[in-house]
Amino acid sequence: HVPTSQVCEDADSFTGPSYRYCRFNDIVSDGKKYVWAGTYRDNSPISVFDIDTGSLVGTFEACKGPTDLEYHAVRDEVR
């Protein structure tokens, strides 16, 4: 289980519409090790989770509201 505080903004200070609080815009998996989830937050990170345990592996910043994640098997990458 991943605590909400790791993937969501602080609910007490969130000022946007409630439907955007802690929302995943897009999710894609490589089918082997990882699941990438584009989240709607101020800095719009992509969160990476372990496919077997669900634990948060890390996050990195992306464009505002990433909504079209694609896994490319030949290059073994998400873009």
N, C-alpha and C. Protein backbone atom coordinates (compact mmCIF):
# COMPACT_ATOMS: atom_id res chain seq x y z
N HIS A 1 0.84 -1.19 0.00
CA HIS A 1 0.00 0.00 0.00
C HIS A 1 0.88 1.25 0.00
N VAL A 2 0.56 2.18 -0.86
CA VAL A 2 1.29 3.45 -0.95
C VAL A 2 0.46 4.52 -0.25
N PRO A 3 1.02 5.19 0.76
CA PRO A 3 0.27 6.24 1.44
C PRO A 3 -0.10 7.38 0.48
N THR A 4 -1.28 7.93 0.65
CA THR A 4 -1.75 9.02 -0.18
C THR A 4 -0.77 10.18 -0.20
N SER A 5 -0.11 10.42 0.92
CA SER A 5 0.82 11.55 1.01
C SER A 5 1.99 11.43 0.04
N GLN A 6 2.30 10.23 -0.44
CA GLN A 6 3.41 10.05 -1.37
C GLN A 6 3.04 10.37 -2.81
N VAL A 7 1.78 10.28 -3.18
CA VAL A 7 1.40 10.49 -4.57
C VAL A 7 0.39 11.63 -4.75
N CYS A 8 -0.10 12.20 -3.66
CA CYS A 8 -1.12 13.25 -3.75
C CYS A 8 -0.63 14.53 -3.08
N GLU A 9 -1.24 15.63 -3.47
CA GLU A 9 -0.97 16.88 -2.78
C GLU A 9 -1.61 16.83 -1.40
N ASP A 10 -1.19 17.73 -0.53
CA ASP A 10 -1.76 17.83 0.80
C ASP A 10 -3.22 18.26 0.67
N ALA A 11 -4.13 17.43 1.16
CA ALA A 11 -5.56 17.71 1.01
C ALA A 11 -5.98 19.01 1.69
N ASP A 12 -5.32 19.35 2.79
CA ASP A 12 -5.69 20.57 3.52
C ASP A 12 -5.32 21.84 2.76
N SER A 13 -4.26 21.79 1.96
CA SER A 13 -3.84 23.00 1.24
C SER A 13 -4.23 22.98 -0.23
N PHE A 14 -4.85 21.90 -0.70
CA PHE A 14 -5.26 21.81 -2.10
C PHE A 14 -6.38 22.81 -2.37
N THR A 15 -6.22 23.62 -3.43
CA THR A 15 -7.20 24.67 -3.71
C THR A 15 -7.96 24.45 -5.02
N GLY A 16 -7.63 23.42 -5.75
CA GLY A 16 -8.29 23.16 -7.02
C GLY A 16 -9.63 22.46 -6.84
N PRO A 17 -10.29 22.14 -7.94
CA PRO A 17 -11.55 21.41 -7.88
C PRO A 17 -11.36 20.04 -7.23
N SER A 18 -12.31 19.61 -6.44
CA SER A 18 -12.16 18.36 -5.69
C SER A 18 -11.96 17.16 -6.60
N TYR A 19 -12.53 17.18 -7.81
CA TYR A 19 -12.37 16.03 -8.71
C TYR A 19 -10.94 15.89 -9.22
N ARG A 20 -10.12 16.93 -9.05
CA ARG A 20 -8.73 16.84 -9.49
C ARG A 20 -7.77 16.44 -8.38
N TYR A 21 -8.25 16.35 -7.16
CA TYR A 21 -7.38 15.96 -6.07
C TYR A 21 -6.99 14.50 -6.22
N CYS A 22 -5.73 14.24 -6.31
CA CYS A 22 -5.17 12.89 -6.36
C CYS A 22 -5.77 12.06 -7.50
N ARG A 23 -5.76 12.61 -8.68
CA ARG A 23 -6.33 11.92 -9.84
C ARG A 23 -5.21 11.42 -10.75
N PHE A 24 -5.33 10.19 -11.20
CA PHE A 24 -4.41 9.66 -12.18
C PHE A 24 -4.98 9.93 -13.57
N ASN A 25 -4.18 10.58 -14.42
CA ASN A 25 -4.62 10.90 -15.77
C ASN A 25 -4.45 9.73 -16.72
N ASP A 26 -3.39 8.97 -16.54
CA ASP A 26 -3.11 7.86 -17.43
C ASP A 26 -2.20 6.87 -16.71
N ILE A 27 -2.35 5.61 -17.03
CA ILE A 27 -1.53 4.56 -16.41
C ILE A 27 -1.11 3.59 -17.51
N VAL A 28 0.17 3.18 -17.48
CA VAL A 28 0.68 2.22 -18.44
C VAL A 28 1.70 1.32 -17.74
N SER A 29 1.83 0.10 -18.20
CA SER A 29 2.77 -0.84 -17.61
C SER A 29 3.64 -1.46 -18.70
N ASP A 30 4.84 -1.87 -18.31
CA ASP A 30 5.69 -2.59 -19.24
C ASP A 30 5.38 -4.09 -19.20
N GLY A 31 4.51 -4.50 -18.28
CA GLY A 31 4.13 -5.91 -18.17
C GLY A 31 5.21 -6.76 -17.53
N LYS A 32 6.30 -6.14 -17.11
CA LYS A 32 7.42 -6.89 -16.54
C LYS A 32 7.74 -6.45 -15.12
N LYS A 33 8.07 -5.16 -14.95
CA LYS A 33 8.55 -4.68 -13.66
C LYS A 33 7.81 -3.47 -13.12
N TYR A 34 7.35 -2.57 -13.99
CA TYR A 34 6.89 -1.27 -13.51
C TYR A 34 5.53 -0.86 -14.07
N VAL A 35 4.89 0.03 -13.32
CA VAL A 35 3.66 0.69 -13.73
C VAL A 35 3.91 2.19 -13.60
N TRP A 36 3.65 2.94 -14.66
CA TRP A 36 3.82 4.39 -14.66
C TRP A 36 2.44 5.02 -14.59
N ALA A 37 2.28 6.01 -13.71
CA ALA A 37 0.99 6.67 -13.54
C ALA A 37 1.18 8.19 -13.60
N GLY A 38 0.57 8.81 -14.58
CA GLY A 38 0.59 10.26 -14.68
C GLY A 38 -0.45 10.84 -13.75
N THR A 39 -0.05 11.71 -12.84
CA THR A 39 -0.97 12.26 -11.86
C THR A 39 -1.23 13.74 -12.11
N TYR A 40 -2.39 14.18 -11.67
CA TYR A 40 -2.72 15.59 -11.77
C TYR A 40 -2.31 16.25 -10.46
N ARG A 41 -1.22 16.98 -10.50
CA ARG A 41 -0.73 17.75 -9.36
C ARG A 41 -0.11 19.02 -9.90
N ASP A 42 0.29 19.91 -8.99
CA ASP A 42 0.89 21.17 -9.43
C ASP A 42 2.08 20.94 -10.35
N ASN A 43 2.94 20.00 -10.00
CA ASN A 43 4.12 19.75 -10.84
C ASN A 43 3.92 18.55 -11.76
N SER A 44 2.73 17.96 -11.76
CA SER A 44 2.34 16.86 -12.65
C SER A 44 3.40 15.78 -12.80
N PRO A 45 3.76 15.12 -11.70
CA PRO A 45 4.75 14.07 -11.83
C PRO A 45 4.18 12.78 -12.43
N ILE A 46 5.08 11.96 -12.87
CA ILE A 46 4.73 10.59 -13.23
C ILE A 46 5.29 9.73 -12.10
N SER A 47 4.42 8.98 -11.47
CA SER A 47 4.82 8.10 -10.38
C SER A 47 5.08 6.71 -10.95
N VAL A 48 6.12 6.07 -10.47
CA VAL A 48 6.50 4.74 -10.95
C VAL A 48 6.34 3.76 -9.78
N PHE A 49 5.59 2.68 -10.04
CA PHE A 49 5.31 1.68 -9.02
C PHE A 49 5.86 0.32 -9.44
N ASP A 50 6.25 -0.48 -8.45
CA ASP A 50 6.66 -1.85 -8.70
C ASP A 50 5.42 -2.66 -9.08
N ILE A 51 5.48 -3.41 -10.17
CA ILE A 51 4.31 -4.14 -10.67
C ILE A 51 3.89 -5.26 -9.73
N ASP A 52 4.83 -5.83 -8.98
CA ASP A 52 4.51 -6.96 -8.11
C ASP A 52 4.04 -6.54 -6.72
N THR A 53 4.67 -5.51 -6.16
CA THR A 53 4.35 -5.12 -4.78
C THR A 53 3.47 -3.89 -4.69
N GLY A 54 3.43 -3.08 -5.75
CA GLY A 54 2.66 -1.84 -5.72
C GLY A 54 3.38 -0.72 -5.00
N SER A 55 4.60 -0.98 -4.51
CA SER A 55 5.32 0.06 -3.79
C SER A 55 5.83 1.14 -4.75
N LEU A 56 5.89 2.36 -4.24
CA LEU A 56 6.35 3.49 -5.03
C LEU A 56 7.85 3.38 -5.23
N VAL A 57 8.28 3.37 -6.49
CA VAL A 57 9.70 3.29 -6.83
C VAL A 57 10.29 4.70 -6.91
N GLY A 58 9.54 5.63 -7.49
CA GLY A 58 10.00 7.00 -7.60
C GLY A 58 9.05 7.85 -8.41
N THR A 59 9.38 9.11 -8.55
CA THR A 59 8.58 10.04 -9.35
C THR A 59 9.53 10.94 -10.14
N PHE A 60 9.02 11.47 -11.23
CA PHE A 60 9.76 12.48 -11.96
C PHE A 60 8.77 13.44 -12.60
N GLU A 61 9.21 14.67 -12.80
CA GLU A 61 8.34 15.69 -13.35
C GLU A 61 8.09 15.46 -14.83
N ALA A 62 6.93 15.90 -15.27
CA ALA A 62 6.54 15.76 -16.67
C ALA A 62 5.77 17.01 -17.07
N CYS A 63 5.29 17.02 -18.28
CA CYS A 63 4.48 18.14 -18.74
C CYS A 63 3.20 18.22 -17.91
N LYS A 64 2.54 19.34 -17.97
CA LYS A 64 1.32 19.54 -17.18
C LYS A 64 0.26 18.52 -17.57
N GLY A 65 -0.15 17.71 -16.61
CA GLY A 65 -1.22 16.74 -16.82
C GLY A 65 -0.92 15.70 -17.87
N PRO A 66 0.11 14.85 -17.69
CA PRO A 66 0.41 13.83 -18.70
C PRO A 66 -0.77 12.88 -18.89
N THR A 67 -1.25 12.79 -20.13
CA THR A 67 -2.46 11.99 -20.38
C THR A 67 -2.31 10.95 -21.48
N ASP A 68 -1.15 10.86 -22.08
CA ASP A 68 -1.01 9.93 -23.20
C ASP A 68 0.29 9.13 -23.07
N LEU A 69 0.42 8.38 -21.98
CA LEU A 69 1.61 7.57 -21.77
C LEU A 69 1.56 6.35 -22.67
N GLU A 70 2.69 6.02 -23.27
CA GLU A 70 2.77 4.84 -24.12
C GLU A 70 4.03 4.06 -23.79
N TYR A 71 3.90 2.73 -23.70
CA TYR A 71 5.07 1.88 -23.52
C TYR A 71 5.51 1.39 -24.89
N HIS A 72 6.79 1.55 -25.18
CA HIS A 72 7.36 1.10 -26.45
C HIS A 72 8.29 -0.09 -26.16
N ALA A 73 7.81 -1.28 -26.49
CA ALA A 73 8.53 -2.51 -26.14
C ALA A 73 9.89 -2.63 -26.82
N VAL A 74 10.00 -2.19 -28.06
CA VAL A 74 11.27 -2.31 -28.77
C VAL A 74 12.35 -1.49 -28.08
N ARG A 75 11.99 -0.30 -27.65
CA ARG A 75 12.96 0.58 -26.98
C ARG A 75 12.92 0.42 -25.47
N ASP A 76 11.96 -0.35 -24.96
CA ASP A 76 11.81 -0.60 -23.53
C ASP A 76 11.74 0.73 -22.76
N GLU A 77 10.82 1.61 -23.21
CA GLU A 77 10.68 2.91 -22.56
C GLU A 77 9.23 3.38 -22.61
N VAL A 78 8.96 4.32 -21.73
CA VAL A 78 7.65 4.98 -21.71
C VAL A 78 7.86 6.40 -22.16
N ARG A 79 6.95 6.85 -23.05
CA ARG A 79 7.03 8.25 -23.46
C ARG A 79 5.65 8.82 -23.55
